[in-house]
Amino acid sequence: MKVIITGATGMVGKGVLLECLESEEVFEVISISRRSLKMDHPKLQELIHADFSEFEKVSDELKGYDACFACMGVSAAGLNEGTYTHLTYDFTLALAKTLYKGNSSMTFIYVSGQGTRSDEKGSMWARVKGKTENDLLALGFRQAFMFRPGMIIPVKGVSPSSKLYRFMINNLTWLLKLMKAVAPNSVVNSAQIGQAMLKATQNGYTKSVIDPKDILKLAV
């Protein structure tokens, strides 16, 4: 299986990347990012791409892949709706539309988040994420899954890119453990997200919107 990953410089994307590199089912991974991962692995290729608002210029380099795991994302904190929409919706749909033109039979997986509104109502980020999910599902890929992880525990040396989340992981581990004990189906780790993506790609799934409980089920 050949896989495209975006957002591999972040916590979720890095976790997904590590699972792809470790998987016997994956023999090639291409990471699309603005800067190098500075990793050396025989399965890994890098495509340094500055403008995520368009991918037509690199479309030939993205042909022949079986799946795309779109893990790139930004926090809505401090952003107005127009900027957040551009960085979240526009960037993701630009990639998805380019990939669909070249290979509609691939699997496209998008990392959204708990609280996303499929009815496109509610808070700004929930509306934008909801529209992004809806329009991705409407494109027509053979398989498309919207992953909505809740609390994520980084493992295998993965570090959160967010300073706030990094502080929580470093100082509030006890709280995460308590949450997992009280609500075991609400907490996943970075490896389980990658494992679930690979399983959904290979075997499909009964739902297109994947919650933490589904991630844990797929990752078994």
Protein backbone atom coordinates (compact mmCIF):
# COMPACT_ATOMS: atom_id res chain seq x y z
CA MET A 1 0.00 0.00 0.00
CA LYS A 2 1.23 3.51 -0.88
CA VAL A 3 0.16 6.32 1.46
CA ILE A 4 0.15 10.12 1.38
CA ILE A 5 0.33 11.96 4.72
CA THR A 6 -0.08 15.65 5.49
CA GLY A 7 0.63 17.15 8.88
CA ALA A 8 3.44 14.76 9.77
CA THR A 9 5.25 17.57 11.58
CA GLY A 10 2.39 17.64 14.12
CA MET A 11 1.43 15.23 16.89
CA VAL A 12 -1.32 13.30 15.11
CA GLY A 13 0.43 13.20 11.75
CA LYS A 14 3.73 12.07 13.28
CA GLY A 15 1.95 9.26 15.12
CA VAL A 16 0.21 8.16 11.93
CA LEU A 17 3.49 8.34 10.01
CA LEU A 18 5.27 6.07 12.50
CA GLU A 19 2.52 3.44 12.23
CA CYS A 20 2.71 3.53 8.43
CA LEU A 21 6.47 3.10 8.48
CA GLU A 22 6.17 0.16 10.89
CA SER A 23 3.35 -1.54 8.95
CA GLU A 24 4.23 -4.50 6.74
CA GLU A 25 1.25 -3.55 4.55
CA VAL A 26 2.73 -0.15 3.67
CA PHE A 27 5.71 -0.06 1.34
CA GLU A 28 5.82 3.66 0.49
CA VAL A 29 4.88 6.87 2.30
CA ILE A 30 5.09 10.40 0.95
CA SER A 31 4.87 13.27 3.42
CA ILE A 32 3.63 16.60 2.05
CA SER A 33 4.78 19.51 4.18
CA ARG A 34 6.34 22.96 4.09
CA ARG A 35 9.48 21.82 5.88
CA SER A 36 11.51 18.65 6.06
CA LEU A 37 10.76 16.04 8.71
CA LYS A 38 14.49 15.38 8.96
CA MET A 39 13.84 11.66 9.08
CA ASP A 40 15.61 8.93 7.19
CA HIS A 41 13.64 5.78 6.37
CA PRO A 42 13.66 3.56 3.27
CA LYS A 43 9.86 3.81 2.92
CA LEU A 44 9.70 7.59 3.34
CA GLN A 45 9.69 10.24 0.64
CA GLU A 46 9.15 13.94 1.19
CA LEU A 47 7.40 16.50 -0.97
CA ILE A 48 8.19 20.02 0.23
CA HIS A 49 5.28 22.15 -0.93
CA ALA A 50 4.93 25.81 0.02
CA ASP A 51 1.39 26.63 -1.16
CA PHE A 52 -1.30 24.38 0.31
CA SER A 53 -4.03 26.33 -1.46
CA GLU A 54 -3.19 24.47 -4.66
CA PHE A 55 -1.74 21.07 -5.52
CA GLU A 56 -2.18 21.00 -9.28
CA LYS A 57 1.50 21.81 -9.82
CA VAL A 58 2.52 18.63 -7.97
CA SER A 59 -0.40 16.43 -9.08
CA ASP A 60 1.83 14.12 -11.13
CA GLU A 61 3.86 13.31 -8.02
CA LEU A 62 0.68 12.29 -6.16
CA LYS A 63 -0.60 9.67 -8.58
CA GLY A 64 -0.69 5.95 -7.87
CA TYR A 65 -1.34 6.16 -4.13
CA ASP A 66 -3.88 4.00 -2.29
CA ALA A 67 -4.72 6.36 0.56
CA CYS A 68 -4.31 9.87 1.87
CA PHE A 69 -4.25 10.54 5.61
CA ALA A 70 -4.90 14.28 5.96
CA CYS A 71 -3.68 15.08 9.48
CA MET A 72 -2.81 18.73 9.01
CA GLY A 73 -4.71 21.11 11.25
CA VAL A 74 -4.50 24.41 13.12
CA SER A 75 -6.04 25.68 16.33
CA ALA A 76 -8.88 28.16 15.94
CA ALA A 77 -7.58 30.19 18.88
CA GLY A 78 -6.93 33.77 17.86
CA LEU A 79 -8.10 33.29 14.27
CA ASN A 80 -11.09 34.90 12.61
CA GLU A 81 -13.49 32.72 10.65
CA GLY A 82 -12.11 33.70 7.26
CA THR A 83 -8.53 32.79 8.14
CA TYR A 84 -9.52 29.59 9.91
CA THR A 85 -11.68 28.56 6.96
CA HIS A 86 -8.81 29.16 4.54
CA LEU A 87 -6.34 27.13 6.59
CA THR A 88 -8.78 24.33 7.37
CA TYR A 89 -11.36 24.04 4.59
CA ASP A 90 -9.58 25.54 1.58
CA PHE A 91 -6.29 23.71 2.13
CA THR A 92 -7.96 20.32 2.72
CA LEU A 93 -10.35 20.55 -0.22
CA ALA A 94 -7.59 21.73 -2.54
CA LEU A 95 -5.66 18.55 -1.79
CA ALA A 96 -8.70 16.28 -1.90
CA LYS A 97 -9.97 17.63 -5.23
CA THR A 98 -6.56 17.21 -6.85
CA LEU A 99 -6.27 13.65 -5.58
CA TYR A 100 -9.82 12.81 -6.65
CA LYS A 101 -9.11 13.91 -10.23
CA GLY A 102 -6.16 11.56 -10.41
CA ASN A 103 -7.47 8.62 -8.39
CA SER A 104 -11.07 8.54 -7.19
CA SER A 105 -10.65 4.92 -6.04
CA MET A 106 -8.25 5.85 -3.23
CA THR A 107 -9.23 6.15 0.44
CA PHE A 108 -9.24 9.67 1.88
CA ILE A 109 -9.12 10.07 5.67
CA TYR A 110 -9.44 13.46 7.32
CA VAL A 111 -8.63 14.19 10.96
CA SER A 112 -11.36 16.43 12.31
CA GLY A 113 -12.20 16.50 16.02
CA GLN A 114 -14.76 15.79 18.72
CA GLY A 115 -17.44 18.48 18.72
CA THR A 116 -17.48 18.89 14.94
CA ARG A 117 -21.02 19.65 13.77
CA SER A 118 -22.24 17.77 10.72
CA ASP A 119 -25.18 20.22 10.57
CA GLU A 120 -22.60 23.02 10.19
CA LYS A 121 -24.00 24.91 13.19
CA GLY A 122 -22.59 25.86 16.56
CA SER A 123 -19.19 27.42 17.24
CA MET A 124 -17.02 28.73 14.42
CA TRP A 125 -14.52 25.88 14.36
CA ALA A 126 -17.27 23.23 14.65
CA ARG A 127 -19.09 24.72 11.63
CA VAL A 128 -15.94 24.93 9.52
CA LYS A 129 -14.89 21.39 10.39
CA GLY A 130 -18.42 20.17 9.68
CA LYS A 131 -18.49 21.75 6.23
CA THR A 132 -15.03 20.34 5.51
CA GLU A 133 -16.20 16.85 6.44
CA ASN A 134 -19.43 17.13 4.47
CA ASP A 135 -17.75 18.36 1.30
CA LEU A 136 -15.06 15.69 1.51
CA LEU A 137 -17.70 12.98 1.82
CA ALA A 138 -19.57 14.44 -1.15
CA LEU A 139 -16.56 14.35 -3.49
CA GLY A 140 -17.08 10.70 -4.36
CA PHE A 141 -13.98 8.86 -3.18
CA ARG A 142 -14.41 5.07 -3.04
CA GLN A 143 -13.83 5.37 0.70
CA ALA A 144 -13.74 8.50 2.85
CA PHE A 145 -13.58 8.60 6.64
CA MET A 146 -13.74 11.54 9.01
CA PHE A 147 -11.75 10.81 12.17
CA ARG A 148 -12.90 12.67 15.30
CA PRO A 149 -10.46 11.76 18.06
CA GLY A 150 -11.06 13.28 21.47
CA MET A 151 -8.25 13.40 24.01
CA ILE A 152 -5.05 12.01 22.48
CA ILE A 153 -2.10 10.59 24.41
CA PRO A 154 1.15 10.82 22.39
CA VAL A 155 3.27 7.65 22.43
CA LYS A 156 6.45 6.31 20.82
CA GLY A 157 8.32 9.56 21.35
CA VAL A 158 5.71 11.73 19.64
CA SER A 159 5.48 15.21 21.16
CA PRO A 160 2.53 17.65 20.96
CA SER A 161 3.24 20.69 18.81
CA SER A 162 0.88 22.84 20.91
CA LYS A 163 2.58 24.41 23.95
CA LEU A 164 -0.64 24.11 25.96
CA TYR A 165 -1.14 20.45 25.07
CA ARG A 166 2.53 19.74 25.75
CA PHE A 167 2.12 21.30 29.21
CA MET A 168 -0.91 19.11 29.88
CA ILE A 169 0.91 15.95 28.80
CA ASN A 170 3.97 16.80 30.87
CA ASN A 171 2.13 17.92 33.99
CA LEU A 172 -1.35 16.44 33.98
CA THR A 173 -0.74 12.80 33.03
CA TRP A 174 -2.73 11.79 36.10
CA LEU A 175 -5.77 13.59 34.70
CA LEU A 176 -5.54 11.74 31.38
CA LYS A 177 -5.28 8.44 33.22
CA LEU A 178 -8.31 9.37 35.31
CA MET A 179 -10.28 10.28 32.18
CA LYS A 180 -9.37 6.98 30.57
CA ALA A 181 -10.41 5.09 33.71
CA VAL A 182 -13.74 6.91 33.98
CA ALA A 183 -14.51 7.05 30.24
CA PRO A 184 -12.26 4.48 28.51
CA ASN A 185 -13.82 5.06 25.10
CA SER A 186 -13.02 8.79 25.06
CA VAL A 187 -9.21 8.64 25.10
CA VAL A 188 -6.99 7.28 22.32
CA ASN A 189 -3.26 7.40 21.70
CA SER A 190 -1.38 8.58 18.64
CA ALA A 191 -0.45 5.04 17.58
CA GLN A 192 -4.05 3.84 17.73
CA ILE A 193 -5.13 6.61 15.34
CA GLY A 194 -2.60 5.43 12.76
CA GLN A 195 -3.51 1.78 13.25
CA ALA A 196 -7.21 2.58 12.85
CA MET A 197 -6.56 4.48 9.62
CA LEU A 198 -4.68 1.55 8.15
CA LYS A 199 -7.41 -0.90 9.15
CA ALA A 200 -10.19 1.30 7.75
CA THR A 201 -8.28 1.67 4.48
CA GLN A 202 -7.71 -2.06 4.13
CA ASN A 203 -11.02 -3.41 5.40
CA GLY A 204 -13.48 -0.53 5.24
CA TYR A 205 -15.83 0.40 8.07
CA THR A 206 -19.54 0.67 8.67
CA LYS A 207 -19.42 4.40 9.48
CA SER A 208 -17.90 7.35 7.68
CA VAL A 209 -17.57 9.47 10.84
CA ILE A 210 -15.14 7.77 13.21
CA ASP A 211 -15.34 8.61 16.93
CA PRO A 212 -12.85 7.56 19.65
CA LYS A 213 -14.80 4.36 20.32
CA ASP A 214 -14.53 3.43 16.64
CA ILE A 215 -10.80 4.25 16.62
CA LEU A 216 -10.24 1.88 19.54
CA LYS A 217 -12.29 -0.81 17.81
CA LEU A 218 -10.41 -0.49 14.53
CA ALA A 219 -7.01 -0.39 16.21
CA VAL A 220 -7.41 -3.79 17.89
